Amino acid sequence: MPMQMIQKTNKTKIKSDYYLQPLKKENDLNKILKAHRKDPSTLRILFVSLWDDYSTDLVEELKNKEENSSKKYPLYVVDSYNMPHSFVIYKTTKVPQLVKLDRNRVIIEDYLPRIYTLLGI
């Protein structure tokens, strides 16, 4: 039974070959979400804040890790300063928050150690 639990957590782990793509306008996020409805591939969004130390540390770790990755999958980064209204979409009240959109489900994670684990840091 514990082996099945380990396999389930590994399935939700985000591949380490991602690249950061910061979004500057809310219109960009809306376009990405609209395209996701047509093509239901996996989509990952990281909500962060410039004033939160944990968020800035996480983004720095991701930038360091990004240099060694093969850069296949985008990890969209939404900042609270540039895009405050985007936080309403997934009821984001804590930062950092990782949102993973699959075909029919939305997985929201705001527990910091779990975010680090999912991102492979």
PDB file of N, CA and C in Angstrom:
ATOM      1  N   MET A   1       0.805  -1.207   0.000  1.00  0.00           N
ATOM      2  CA  MET A   1       0.000   0.000   0.000  1.00  0.00           C
ATOM      3  C   MET A   1       0.852   1.277   0.000  1.00  0.00           C
ATOM      4  N   PRO A   2       1.909   1.372   0.823  1.00  0.00           N
ATOM      5  CA  PRO A   2       2.727   2.582   0.772  1.00  0.00           C
ATOM      6  C   PRO A   2       3.384   2.776  -0.596  1.00  0.00           C
ATOM      7  N   MET A   3       3.660   1.693  -1.305  1.00  0.00           N
ATOM      8  CA  MET A   3       4.271   1.819  -2.612  1.00  0.00           C
ATOM      9  C   MET A   3       3.332   2.524  -3.587  1.00  0.00           C
ATOM     10  N   GLN A   4       2.026   2.269  -3.489  1.00  0.00           N
ATOM     11  CA  GLN A   4       1.066   2.933  -4.356  1.00  0.00           C
ATOM     12  C   GLN A   4       1.018   4.424  -4.064  1.00  0.00           C
ATOM     13  N   MET A   5       1.117   4.798  -2.787  1.00  0.00           N
ATOM     14  CA  MET A   5       1.102   6.217  -2.440  1.00  0.00           C
ATOM     15  C   MET A   5       2.310   6.931  -3.038  1.00  0.00           C
ATOM     16  N   ILE A   6       3.459   6.283  -3.017  1.00  0.00           N
ATOM     17  CA  ILE A   6       4.654   6.897  -3.575  1.00  0.00           C
ATOM     18  C   ILE A   6       4.491   7.079  -5.079  1.00  0.00           C
ATOM     19  N   GLN A   7       3.924   6.094  -5.742  1.00  0.00           N
ATOM     20  CA  GLN A   7       3.727   6.210  -7.176  1.00  0.00           C
ATOM     21  C   GLN A   7       2.750   7.328  -7.520  1.00  0.00           C
ATOM     22  N   LYS A   8       1.722   7.504  -6.714  1.00  0.00           N
ATOM     23  CA  LYS A   8       0.753   8.567  -6.975  1.00  0.00           C
ATOM     24  C   LYS A   8       1.403   9.938  -6.841  1.00  0.00           C
ATOM     25  N   THR A   9       2.252  10.123  -5.844  1.00  0.00           N
ATOM     26  CA  THR A   9       2.890  11.422  -5.682  1.00  0.00           C
ATOM     27  C   THR A   9       3.899  11.675  -6.798  1.00  0.00           C
ATOM     28  N   ASN A  10       4.548  10.644  -7.294  1.00  0.00           N
ATOM     29  CA  ASN A  10       5.495  10.832  -8.387  1.00  0.00           C
ATOM     30  C   ASN A  10       4.793  11.202  -9.686  1.00  0.00           C
ATOM     31  N   LYS A  11       3.564  10.740  -9.863  1.00  0.00           N
ATOM     32  CA  LYS A  11       2.836  11.069 -11.082  1.00  0.00           C
ATOM     33  C   LYS A  11       2.501  12.546 -11.150  1.00  0.00           C
ATOM     34  N   THR A  12       2.282  13.178 -10.005  1.00  0.00           N
ATOM     35  CA  THR A  12       1.928  14.589 -10.014  1.00  0.00           C
ATOM     36  C   THR A  12       3.153  15.495 -10.033  1.00  0.00           C
ATOM     37  N   LYS A  13       4.331  14.911  -9.970  1.00  0.00           N
ATOM     38  CA  LYS A  13       5.542  15.712  -9.978  1.00  0.00           C
ATOM     39  C   LYS A  13       5.735  16.367 -11.339  1.00  0.00           C
ATOM     40  N   ILE A  14       6.074  17.608 -11.342  1.00  0.00           N
ATOM     41  CA  ILE A  14       6.292  18.342 -12.583  1.00  0.00           C
ATOM     42  C   ILE A  14       7.660  17.972 -13.130  1.00  0.00           C
ATOM     43  N   LYS A  15       7.714  17.768 -14.423  1.00  0.00           N
ATOM     44  CA  LYS A  15       8.985  17.417 -15.046  1.00  0.00           C
ATOM     45  C   LYS A  15       9.990  18.545 -14.820  1.00  0.00           C
ATOM     46  N   SER A  16      11.237  18.156 -14.643  1.00  0.00           N
ATOM     47  CA  SER A  16      12.257  19.150 -14.321  1.00  0.00           C
ATOM     48  C   SER A  16      12.764  19.890 -15.552  1.00  0.00           C
ATOM     49  N   ASP A  17      12.300  19.530 -16.729  1.00  0.00           N
ATOM     50  CA  ASP A  17      12.774  20.210 -17.930  1.00  0.00           C
ATOM     51  C   ASP A  17      11.784  21.296 -18.358  1.00  0.00           C
ATOM     52  N   TYR A  18      11.560  22.229 -17.486  1.00  0.00           N
ATOM     53  CA  TYR A  18      10.661  23.347 -17.744  1.00  0.00           C
ATOM     54  C   TYR A  18      11.469  24.627 -17.867  1.00  0.00           C
ATOM     55  N   TYR A  19      10.824  25.642 -18.383  1.00  0.00           N
ATOM     56  CA  TYR A  19      11.454  26.962 -18.429  1.00  0.00           C
ATOM     57  C   TYR A  19      10.463  27.976 -17.889  1.00  0.00           C
ATOM     58  N   LEU A  20      10.977  28.982 -17.231  1.00  0.00           N
ATOM     59  CA  LEU A  20      10.129  30.025 -16.654  1.00  0.00           C
ATOM     60  C   LEU A  20       9.673  30.980 -17.741  1.00  0.00           C
ATOM     61  N   GLN A  21       8.403  31.286 -17.714  1.00  0.00           N
ATOM     62  CA  GLN A  21       7.875  32.272 -18.642  1.00  0.00           C
ATOM     63  C   GLN A  21       7.047  33.272 -17.837  1.00  0.00           C
ATOM     64  N   PRO A  22       7.665  34.384 -17.436  1.00  0.00           N
ATOM     65  CA  PRO A  22       6.917  35.385 -16.673  1.00  0.00           C
ATOM     66  C   PRO A  22       5.893  36.090 -17.556  1.00  0.00           C
ATOM     67  N   LEU A  23       4.715  36.286 -17.013  1.00  0.00           N
ATOM     68  CA  LEU A  23       3.654  36.977 -17.736  1.00  0.00           C
ATOM     69  C   LEU A  23       3.565  38.406 -17.231  1.00  0.00           C
ATOM     70  N   LYS A  24       3.405  39.344 -18.145  1.00  0.00           N
ATOM     71  CA  LYS A  24       3.393  40.762 -17.786  1.00  0.00           C
ATOM     72  C   LYS A  24       1.991  41.366 -17.784  1.00  0.00           C
ATOM     73  N   LYS A  25       1.090  40.796 -18.597  1.00  0.00           N
ATOM     74  CA  LYS A  25      -0.253  41.365 -18.698  1.00  0.00           C
ATOM     75  C   LYS A  25      -1.292  40.279 -18.458  1.00  0.00           C
ATOM     76  N   GLU A  26      -2.431  40.680 -17.932  1.00  0.00           N
ATOM     77  CA  GLU A  26      -3.502  39.730 -17.674  1.00  0.00           C
ATOM     78  C   GLU A  26      -4.056  39.163 -18.972  1.00  0.00           C
ATOM     79  N   ASN A  27      -3.969  39.926 -20.020  1.00  0.00           N
ATOM     80  CA  ASN A  27      -4.430  39.450 -21.314  1.00  0.00           C
ATOM     81  C   ASN A  27      -3.623  38.234 -21.773  1.00  0.00           C
ATOM     82  N   ASP A  28      -2.331  38.199 -21.444  1.00  0.00           N
ATOM     83  CA  ASP A  28      -1.492  37.055 -21.804  1.00  0.00           C
ATOM     84  C   ASP A  28      -1.984  35.779 -21.119  1.00  0.00           C
ATOM     85  N   LEU A  29      -2.298  35.886 -19.841  1.00  0.00           N
ATOM     86  CA  LEU A  29      -2.806  34.729 -19.107  1.00  0.00           C
ATOM     87  C   LEU A  29      -4.156  34.290 -19.660  1.00  0.00           C
ATOM     88  N   ASN A  30      -5.006  35.236 -19.998  1.00  0.00           N
ATOM     89  CA  ASN A  30      -6.309  34.888 -20.563  1.00  0.00           C
ATOM     90  C   ASN A  30      -6.159  34.153 -21.896  1.00  0.00           C
ATOM     91  N   LYS A  31      -5.209  34.568 -22.717  1.00  0.00           N
ATOM     92  CA  LYS A  31      -4.958  33.888 -23.988  1.00  0.00           C
ATOM     93  C   LYS A  31      -4.470  32.459 -23.757  1.00  0.00           C
ATOM     94  N   ILE A  32      -3.599  32.283 -22.765  1.00  0.00           N
ATOM     95  CA  ILE A  32      -3.069  30.958 -22.468  1.00  0.00           C
ATOM     96  C   ILE A  32      -4.184  30.043 -21.958  1.00  0.00           C
ATOM     97  N   LEU A  33      -5.042  30.561 -21.098  1.00  0.00           N
ATOM     98  CA  LEU A  33      -6.145  29.759 -20.573  1.00  0.00           C
ATOM     99  C   LEU A  33      -7.154  29.419 -21.672  1.00  0.00           C
ATOM    100  N   LYS A  34      -7.383  30.330 -22.566  1.00  0.00           N
ATOM    101  CA  LYS A  34      -8.301  30.075 -23.675  1.00  0.00           C
ATOM    102  C   LYS A  34      -7.724  29.003 -24.603  1.00  0.00           C
ATOM    103  N   ALA A  35      -6.440  29.071 -24.875  1.00  0.00           N
ATOM    104  CA  ALA A  35      -5.795  28.054 -25.704  1.00  0.00           C
ATOM    105  C   ALA A  35      -5.798  26.697 -25.005  1.00  0.00           C
ATOM    106  N   HIS A  36      -5.728  26.703 -23.683  1.00  0.00           N
ATOM    107  CA  HIS A  36      -5.751  25.453 -22.921  1.00  0.00           C
ATOM    108  C   HIS A  36      -7.106  24.765 -23.039  1.00  0.00           C
ATOM    109  N   ARG A  37      -8.168  25.525 -23.157  1.00  0.00           N
ATOM    110  CA  ARG A  37      -9.500  24.929 -23.334  1.00  0.00           C
ATOM    111  C   ARG A  37      -9.594  24.173 -24.648  1.00  0.00           C
ATOM    112  N   LYS A  38      -8.927  24.678 -25.675  1.00  0.00           N
ATOM    113  CA  LYS A  38      -8.955  24.023 -26.985  1.00  0.00           C
ATOM    114  C   LYS A  38      -8.009  22.835 -27.039  1.00  0.00           C
ATOM    115  N   ASP A  39      -6.846  22.978 -26.449  1.00  0.00           N
ATOM    116  CA  ASP A  39      -5.843  21.915 -26.418  1.00  0.00           C
ATOM    117  C   ASP A  39      -5.576  21.576 -24.954  1.00  0.00           C
ATOM    118  N   PRO A  40      -6.226  20.551 -24.417  1.00  0.00           N
ATOM    119  CA  PRO A  40      -6.137  20.293 -22.971  1.00  0.00           C
ATOM    120  C   PRO A  40      -4.855  19.595 -22.533  1.00  0.00           C
ATOM    121  N   SER A  41      -3.713  20.123 -22.881  1.00  0.00           N
ATOM    122  CA  SER A  41      -2.457  19.587 -22.367  1.00  0.00           C
ATOM    123  C   SER A  41      -2.235  20.141 -20.960  1.00  0.00           C
ATOM    124  N   THR A  42      -1.227  19.638 -20.288  1.00  0.00           N
ATOM    125  CA  THR A  42      -0.954  20.083 -18.923  1.00  0.00           C
ATOM    126  C   THR A  42      -0.402  21.499 -18.932  1.00  0.00           C
ATOM    127  N   LEU A  43      -0.945  22.309 -18.044  1.00  0.00           N
ATOM    128  CA  LEU A  43      -0.558  23.715 -17.944  1.00  0.00           C
ATOM    129  C   LEU A  43      -0.198  23.999 -16.493  1.00  0.00           C
ATOM    130  N   ARG A  44       0.902  24.710 -16.284  1.00  0.00           N
ATOM    131  CA  ARG A  44       1.367  25.018 -14.925  1.00  0.00           C
ATOM    132  C   ARG A  44       1.518  26.530 -14.761  1.00  0.00           C
ATOM    133  N   ILE A  45       0.958  27.034 -13.662  1.00  0.00           N
ATOM    134  CA  ILE A  45       1.027  28.468 -13.368  1.00  0.00           C
ATOM    135  C   ILE A  45       1.516  28.623 -11.936  1.00  0.00           C
ATOM    136  N   LEU A  46       2.492  29.485 -11.741  1.00  0.00           N
ATOM    137  CA  LEU A  46       3.021  29.775 -10.410  1.00  0.00           C
ATOM    138  C   LEU A  46       2.679  31.216 -10.070  1.00  0.00           C
ATOM    139  N   PHE A  47       1.910  31.398  -9.005  1.00  0.00           N
ATOM    140  CA  PHE A  47       1.540  32.730  -8.534  1.00  0.00           C
ATOM    141  C   PHE A  47       2.523  33.137  -7.444  1.00  0.00           C
ATOM    142  N   VAL A  48       3.158  34.307  -7.621  1.00  0.00           N
ATOM    143  CA  VAL A  48       4.158  34.795  -6.670  1.00  0.00           C
ATOM    144  C   VAL A  48       3.921  36.272  -6.381  1.00  0.00           C
ATOM    145  N   SER A  49       4.662  36.779  -5.397  1.00  0.00           N
ATOM    146  CA  SER A  49       4.608  38.187  -5.050  1.00  0.00           C
ATOM    147  C   SER A  49       6.026  38.714  -4.877  1.00  0.00           C
ATOM    148  N   LEU A  50       6.257  39.935  -5.322  1.00  0.00           N
ATOM    149  CA  LEU A  50       7.579  40.539  -5.177  1.00  0.00           C
ATOM    150  C   LEU A  50       7.930  40.841  -3.726  1.00  0.00           C
ATOM    151  N   TRP A  51       6.935  41.035  -2.887  1.00  0.00           N
ATOM    152  CA  TRP A  51       7.166  41.426  -1.507  1.00  0.00           C
ATOM    153  C   TRP A  51       7.277  40.240  -0.558  1.00  0.00           C
ATOM    154  N   ASP A  52       7.071  39.059  -1.069  1.00  0.00           N
ATOM    155  CA  ASP A  52       7.139  37.865  -0.241  1.00  0.00           C
ATOM    156  C   ASP A  52       8.523  37.237  -0.399  1.00  0.00           C
ATOM    157  N   ASP A  53       9.228  37.071   0.716  1.00  0.00           N
ATOM    158  CA  ASP A  53      10.578  36.505   0.672  1.00  0.00           C
ATOM    159  C   ASP A  53      10.581  35.073   0.160  1.00  0.00           C
ATOM    160  N   TYR A  54       9.574  34.286   0.557  1.00  0.00           N
ATOM    161  CA  TYR A  54       9.508  32.902   0.104  1.00  0.00           C
ATOM    162  C   TYR A  54       9.321  32.828  -1.414  1.00  0.00           C
ATOM    163  N   SER A  55       8.515  33.720  -1.939  1.00  0.00           N
ATOM    164  CA  SER A  55       8.286  33.744  -3.388  1.00  0.00           C
ATOM    165  C   SER A  55       9.550  34.119  -4.142  1.00  0.00           C
ATOM    166  N   THR A  56      10.245  35.135  -3.678  1.00  0.00           N
ATOM    167  CA  THR A  56      11.466  35.558  -4.371  1.00  0.00           C
ATOM    168  C   THR A  56      12.545  34.482  -4.282  1.00  0.00           C
ATOM    169  N   ASP A  57      12.646  33.808  -3.134  1.00  0.00           N
ATOM    170  CA  ASP A  57      13.607  32.711  -3.003  1.00  0.00           C
ATOM    171  C   ASP A  57      13.262  31.567  -3.953  1.00  0.00           C
ATOM    172  N   LEU A  58      11.973  31.255  -4.055  1.00  0.00           N
ATOM    173  CA  LEU A  58      11.538  30.186  -4.943  1.00  0.00           C
ATOM    174  C   LEU A  58      11.845  30.517  -6.403  1.00  0.00           C
ATOM    175  N   VAL A  59      11.591  31.731  -6.816  1.00  0.00           N
ATOM    176  CA  VAL A  59      11.865  32.131  -8.196  1.00  0.00           C
ATOM    177  C   VAL A  59      13.362  32.101  -8.476  1.00  0.00           C
ATOM    178  N   GLU A  60      14.176  32.516  -7.513  1.00  0.00           N
ATOM    179  CA  GLU A  60      15.631  32.447  -7.698  1.00  0.00           C
ATOM    180  C   GLU A  60      16.102  31.002  -7.834  1.00  0.00           C
ATOM    181  N   GLU A  61      15.553  30.105  -7.014  1.00  0.00           N
ATOM    182  CA  GLU A  61      15.899  28.686  -7.121  1.00  0.00           C
ATOM    183  C   GLU A  61      15.493  28.133  -8.483  1.00  0.00           C
ATOM    184  N   LEU A  62      14.329  28.541  -8.954  1.00  0.00           N
ATOM    185  CA  LEU A  62      13.858  28.081 -10.258  1.00  0.00           C
ATOM    186  C   LEU A  62      14.743  28.601 -11.386  1.00  0.00           C
ATOM    187  N   LYS A  63      15.194  29.838 -11.278  1.00  0.00           N
ATOM    188  CA  LYS A  63      16.088  30.393 -12.303  1.00  0.00           C
ATOM    189  C   LYS A  63      17.412  29.646 -12.327  1.00  0.00           C
ATOM    190  N   ASN A  64      17.929  29.300 -11.149  1.00  0.00           N
ATOM    191  CA  ASN A  64      19.179  28.540 -11.085  1.00  0.00           C
ATOM    192  C   ASN A  64      19.002  27.150 -11.676  1.00  0.00           C
ATOM    193  N   LYS A  65      17.874  26.530 -11.377  1.00  0.00           N
ATOM    194  CA  LYS A  65      17.611  25.185 -11.897  1.00  0.00           C
ATOM    195  C   LYS A  65      17.332  25.219 -13.394  1.00  0.00           C
ATOM    196  N   GLU A  66      16.752  26.303 -13.866  1.00  0.00           N
ATOM    197  CA  GLU A  66      16.388  26.433 -15.276  1.00  0.00           C
ATOM    198  C   GLU A  66      17.614  26.382 -16.185  1.00  0.00           C
ATOM    199  N   GLU A  67      18.738  26.858 -15.703  1.00  0.00           N
ATOM    200  CA  GLU A  67      19.953  26.872 -16.516  1.00  0.00           C
ATOM    201  C   GLU A  67      20.407  25.467 -16.885  1.00  0.00           C
ATOM    202  N   ASN A  68      20.073  24.465 -16.054  1.00  0.00           N
ATOM    203  CA  ASN A  68      20.516  23.101 -16.298  1.00  0.00           C
ATOM    204  C   ASN A  68      19.453  22.235 -16.964  1.00  0.00           C
ATOM    205  N   SER A  69      18.277  22.773 -17.238  1.00  0.00           N
ATOM    206  CA  SER A  69      17.199  21.964 -17.798  1.00  0.00           C
ATOM    207  C   SER A  69      17.192  22.046 -19.319  1.00  0.00           C
ATOM    208  N   SER A  70      16.432  21.124 -19.934  1.00  0.00           N
ATOM    209  CA  SER A  70      16.367  21.101 -21.402  1.00  0.00           C
ATOM    210  C   SER A  70      15.277  22.011 -21.947  1.00  0.00           C
ATOM    211  N   LYS A  71      14.493  22.630 -21.090  1.00  0.00           N
ATOM    212  CA  LYS A  71      13.530  23.680 -21.444  1.00  0.00           C
ATOM    213  C   LYS A  71      12.468  23.221 -22.448  1.00  0.00           C
ATOM    214  N   LYS A  72      11.662  22.244 -22.044  1.00  0.00           N
ATOM    215  CA  LYS A  72      10.599  21.764 -22.910  1.00  0.00           C
ATOM    216  C   LYS A  72       9.230  22.314 -22.536  1.00  0.00           C
ATOM    217  N   TYR A  73       8.949  22.394 -21.252  1.00  0.00           N
ATOM    218  CA  TYR A  73       7.614  22.753 -20.791  1.00  0.00           C
ATOM    219  C   TYR A  73       7.619  24.127 -20.128  1.00  0.00           C
ATOM    220  N   PRO A  74       6.639  24.980 -20.443  1.00  0.00           N
ATOM    221  CA  PRO A  74       6.607  26.300 -19.803  1.00  0.00           C
ATOM    222  C   PRO A  74       6.028  26.236 -18.398  1.00  0.00           C
ATOM    223  N   LEU A  75       6.582  27.028 -17.526  1.00  0.00           N
ATOM    224  CA  LEU A  75       6.035  27.259 -16.194  1.00  0.00           C
ATOM    225  C   LEU A  75       5.745  28.749 -16.135  1.00  0.00           C
ATOM    226  N   TYR A  76       4.471  29.092 -16.248  1.00  0.00           N
ATOM    227  CA  TYR A  76       4.076  30.495 -16.301  1.00  0.00           C
ATOM    228  C   TYR A  76       4.127  31.096 -14.903  1.00  0.00           C
ATOM    229  N   VAL A  77       4.753  32.247 -14.783  1.00  0.00           N
ATOM    230  CA  VAL A  77       4.901  32.920 -13.502  1.00  0.00           C
ATOM    231  C   VAL A  77       4.049  34.189 -13.524  1.00  0.00           C
ATOM    232  N   VAL A  78       3.115  34.259 -12.594  1.00  0.00           N
ATOM    233  CA  VAL A  78       2.206  35.399 -12.479  1.00  0.00           C
ATOM    234  C   VAL A  78       2.586  36.171 -11.228  1.00  0.00           C
ATOM    235  N   ASP A  79       2.869  37.443 -11.395  1.00  0.00           N
ATOM    236  CA  ASP A  79       3.293  38.299 -10.294  1.00  0.00           C
ATOM    237  C   ASP A  79       2.126  39.149  -9.813  1.00  0.00           C
ATOM    238  N   SER A  80       2.012  39.305  -8.518  1.00  0.00           N
ATOM    239  CA  SER A  80       0.895  40.064  -7.950  1.00  0.00           C
ATOM    240  C   SER A  80       0.992  41.554  -8.244  1.00  0.00           C
ATOM    241  N   TYR A  81       2.183  42.055  -8.506  1.00  0.00           N
ATOM    242  CA  TYR A  81       2.329  43.479  -8.790  1.00  0.00           C
ATOM    243  C   TYR A  81       1.840  43.813 -10.202  1.00  0.00           C
ATOM    244  N   ASN A  82       2.237  43.000 -11.173  1.00  0.00           N
ATOM    245  CA  ASN A  82       1.859  43.257 -12.559  1.00  0.00           C
ATOM    246  C   ASN A  82       0.443  42.803 -12.891  1.00  0.00           C
ATOM    247  N   MET A  83      -0.022  41.756 -12.225  1.00  0.00           N
ATOM    248  CA  MET A  83      -1.304  41.158 -12.583  1.00  0.00           C
ATOM    249  C   MET A  83      -2.150  40.854 -11.342  1.00  0.00           C
ATOM    250  N   PRO A  84      -2.592  41.860 -10.627  1.00  0.00           N
ATOM    251  CA  PRO A  84      -3.325  41.592  -9.371  1.00  0.00           C
ATOM    252  C   PRO A  84      -4.676  40.925  -9.577  1.00  0.00           C
ATOM    253  N   HIS A  85      -5.352  41.216 -10.670  1.00  0.00           N
ATOM    254  CA  HIS A  85      -6.685  40.640 -10.882  1.00  0.00           C
ATOM    255  C   HIS A  85      -6.631  39.177 -11.299  1.00  0.00           C
ATOM    256  N   SER A  86      -5.482  38.704 -11.734  1.00  0.00           N
ATOM    257  CA  SER A  86      -5.353  37.299 -12.121  1.00  0.00           C
ATOM    258  C   SER A  86      -5.414  36.367 -10.924  1.00  0.00           C
ATOM    259  N   PHE A  87      -5.165  36.879  -9.751  1.00  0.00           N
ATOM    260  CA  PHE A  87      -5.192  36.047  -8.557  1.00  0.00           C
ATOM    261  C   PHE A  87      -6.607  35.613  -8.207  1.00  0.00           C
ATOM    262  N   VAL A  88      -7.595  36.271  -8.754  1.00  0.00           N
ATOM    263  CA  VAL A  88      -8.985  35.945  -8.467  1.00  0.00           C
ATOM    264  C   VAL A  88      -9.418  34.668  -9.192  1.00  0.00           C
ATOM    265  N   ILE A  89      -8.786  34.346 -10.293  1.00  0.00           N
ATOM    266  CA  ILE A  89      -9.202  33.213 -11.123  1.00  0.00           C
ATOM    267  C   ILE A  89      -9.214  31.916 -10.320  1.00  0.00           C
ATOM    268  N   TYR A  90      -8.161  31.643  -9.567  1.00  0.00           N
ATOM    269  CA  TYR A  90      -8.069  30.415  -8.789  1.00  0.00           C
ATOM    270  C   TYR A  90      -8.129  30.688  -7.289  1.00  0.00           C
ATOM    271  N   LYS A  91      -8.722  31.806  -6.910  1.00  0.00           N
ATOM    272  CA  LYS A  91      -8.932  32.185  -5.510  1.00  0.00           C
ATOM    273  C   LYS A  91      -7.623  32.133  -4.722  1.00  0.00           C
ATOM    274  N   THR A  92      -6.608  32.728  -5.273  1.00  0.00           N
ATOM    275  CA  THR A  92      -5.291  32.736  -4.651  1.00  0.00           C
ATOM    276  C   THR A  92      -5.273  33.729  -3.498  1.00  0.00           C
ATOM    277  N   THR A  93      -5.030  33.218  -2.302  1.00  0.00           N
ATOM    278  CA  THR A  93      -4.918  34.073  -1.126  1.00  0.00           C
ATOM    279  C   THR A  93      -3.541  33.959  -0.490  1.00  0.00           C
ATOM    280  N   LYS A  94      -2.803  32.899  -0.810  1.00  0.00           N
ATOM    281  CA  LYS A  94      -1.459  32.700  -0.288  1.00  0.00           C
ATOM    282  C   LYS A  94      -0.489  32.648  -1.456  1.00  0.00           C
ATOM    283  N   VAL A  95       0.694  33.147  -1.227  1.00  0.00           N
ATOM    284  CA  VAL A  95       1.739  33.031  -2.237  1.00  0.00           C
ATOM    285  C   VAL A  95       2.966  32.420  -1.592  1.00  0.00           C
ATOM    286  N   PRO A  96       3.749  31.661  -2.283  1.00  0.00           N
ATOM    287  CA  PRO A  96       3.559  31.195  -3.643  1.00  0.00           C
ATOM    288  C   PRO A  96       2.486  30.112  -3.719  1.00  0.00           C
ATOM    289  N   GLN A  97       1.866  30.016  -4.878  1.00  0.00           N
ATOM    290  CA  GLN A  97       0.844  29.006  -5.126  1.00  0.00           C
ATOM    291  C   GLN A  97       1.072  28.430  -6.512  1.00  0.00           C
ATOM    292  N   LEU A  98       1.072  27.112  -6.594  1.00  0.00           N
ATOM    293  CA  LEU A  98       1.279  26.412  -7.856  1.00  0.00           C
ATOM    294  C   LEU A  98      -0.048  25.829  -8.314  1.00  0.00           C
ATOM    295  N   VAL A  99      -0.430  26.132  -9.538  1.00  0.00           N
ATOM    296  CA  VAL A  99      -1.674  25.620 -10.115  1.00  0.00           C
ATOM    297  C   VAL A  99      -1.307  24.759 -11.307  1.00  0.00           C
ATOM    298  N   LYS A 100      -1.812  23.532 -11.306  1.00  0.00           N
ATOM    299  CA  LYS A 100      -1.575  22.609 -12.418  1.00  0.00           C
ATOM    300  C   LYS A 100      -2.927  22.269 -13.028  1.00  0.00           C
ATOM    301  N   LEU A 101      -3.078  22.544 -14.306  1.00  0.00           N
ATOM    302  CA  LEU A 101      -4.317  22.272 -15.016  1.00  0.00           C
ATOM    303  C   LEU A 101      -4.119  21.063 -15.918  1.00  0.00           C
ATOM    304  N   ASP A 102      -4.881  20.021 -15.657  1.00  0.00           N
ATOM    305  CA  ASP A 102      -4.900  18.858 -16.536  1.00  0.00           C
ATOM    306  C   ASP A 102      -6.171  18.927 -17.362  1.00  0.00           C
ATOM    307  N   ARG A 103      -6.518  17.850 -17.993  1.00  0.00           N
ATOM    308  CA  ARG A 103      -7.705  17.855 -18.856  1.00  0.00           C
ATOM    309  C   ARG A 103      -8.976  18.251 -18.114  1.00  0.00           C
ATOM    310  N   ASN A 104      -9.293  17.529 -17.065  1.00  0.00           N
ATOM    311  CA  ASN A 104     -10.567  17.765 -16.389  1.00  0.00           C
ATOM    312  C   ASN A 104     -10.431  18.181 -14.937  1.00  0.00           C
ATOM    313  N   ARG A 105      -9.232  18.469 -14.497  1.00  0.00           N
ATOM    314  CA  ARG A 105      -9.075  18.813 -13.090  1.00  0.00           C
ATOM    315  C   ARG A 105      -8.046  19.919 -12.904  1.00  0.00           C
ATOM    316  N   VAL A 106      -8.182  20.576 -11.770  1.00  0.00           N
ATOM    317  CA  VAL A 106      -7.276  21.647 -11.383  1.00  0.00           C
ATOM    318  C   VAL A 106      -6.660  21.252 -10.046  1.00  0.00           C
ATOM    319  N   ILE A 107      -5.348  21.228  -9.982  1.00  0.00           N
ATOM    320  CA  ILE A 107      -4.637  20.902  -8.743  1.00  0.00           C
ATOM    321  C   ILE A 107      -3.973  22.189  -8.261  1.00  0.00           C
ATOM    322  N   ILE A 108      -4.349  22.618  -7.049  1.00  0.00           N
ATOM    323  CA  ILE A 108      -3.814  23.846  -6.466  1.00  0.00           C
ATOM    324  C   ILE A 108      -2.998  23.475  -5.236  1.00  0.00           C
ATOM    325  N   GLU A 109      -1.765  23.936  -5.206  1.00  0.00           N
ATOM    326  CA  GLU A 109      -0.881  23.648  -4.081  1.00  0.00           C
ATOM    327  C   GLU A 109      -0.296  24.949  -3.557  1.00  0.00           C
ATOM    328  N   ASP A 110      -0.477  25.194  -2.245  1.00  0.00           N
ATOM    329  CA  ASP A 110       0.083  26.400  -1.655  1.00  0.00           C
ATOM    330  C   ASP A 110       0.990  26.096  -0.458  1.00  0.00           C
ATOM    331  N   TYR A 111       1.196  24.825  -0.159  1.00  0.00           N
ATOM    332  CA  TYR A 111       2.091  24.429   0.918  1.00  0.00           C
ATOM    333  C   TYR A 111       3.521  24.447   0.370  1.00  0.00           C
ATOM    334  N   LEU A 112       4.364  25.312   0.898  1.00  0.00           N
ATOM    335  CA  LEU A 112       5.674  25.596   0.326  1.00  0.00           C
ATOM    336  C   LEU A 112       6.572  24.366   0.163  1.00  0.00           C
ATOM    337  N   PRO A 113       6.728  23.495   1.165  1.00  0.00           N
ATOM    338  CA  PRO A 113       7.570  22.303   0.942  1.00  0.00           C
ATOM    339  C   PRO A 113       7.041  21.406  -0.180  1.00  0.00           C
ATOM    340  N   ARG A 114       5.734  21.342  -0.310  1.00  0.00           N
ATOM    341  CA  ARG A 114       5.143  20.533  -1.384  1.00  0.00           C
ATOM    342  C   ARG A 114       5.421  21.163  -2.760  1.00  0.00           C
ATOM    343  N   ILE A 115       5.400  22.479  -2.843  1.00  0.00           N
ATOM    344  CA  ILE A 115       5.720  23.170  -4.106  1.00  0.00           C
ATOM    345  C   ILE A 115       7.160  22.863  -4.509  1.00  0.00           C
ATOM    346  N   TYR A 116       8.068  22.931  -3.549  1.00  0.00           N
ATOM    347  CA  TYR A 116       9.468  22.612  -3.832  1.00  0.00           C
ATOM    348  C   TYR A 116       9.599  21.168  -4.325  1.00  0.00           C
ATOM    349  N   THR A 117       8.866  20.245  -3.709  1.00  0.00           N
ATOM    350  CA  THR A 117       8.915  18.853  -4.116  1.00  0.00           C
ATOM    351  C   THR A 117       8.350  18.654  -5.525  1.00  0.00           C
ATOM    352  N   LEU A 118       7.216  19.294  -5.795  1.00  0.00           N
ATOM    353  CA  LEU A 118       6.601  19.161  -7.112  1.00  0.00           C
ATOM    354  C   LEU A 118       7.469  19.744  -8.219  1.00  0.00           C
ATOM    355  N   LEU A 119       8.179  20.803  -7.914  1.00  0.00           N
ATOM    356  CA  LEU A 119       9.051  21.419  -8.909  1.00  0.00           C
ATOM    357  C   LEU A 119      10.424  20.775  -8.980  1.00  0.00           C
ATOM    358  N   GLY A 120      10.693  19.823  -8.090  1.00  0.00           N
ATOM    359  CA  GLY A 120      11.957  19.104  -8.128  1.00  0.00           C
ATOM    360  C   GLY A 120      13.140  19.900  -7.652  1.00  0.00           C
ATOM    361  N   ILE A 121      12.928  20.782  -6.697  1.00  0.00           N
ATOM    362  CA  ILE A 121      14.025  21.590  -6.169  1.00  0.00           C
ATOM    363  C   ILE A 121      14.509  20.989  -4.870  1.00  0.00           C
TER     364      ILE A 121
END
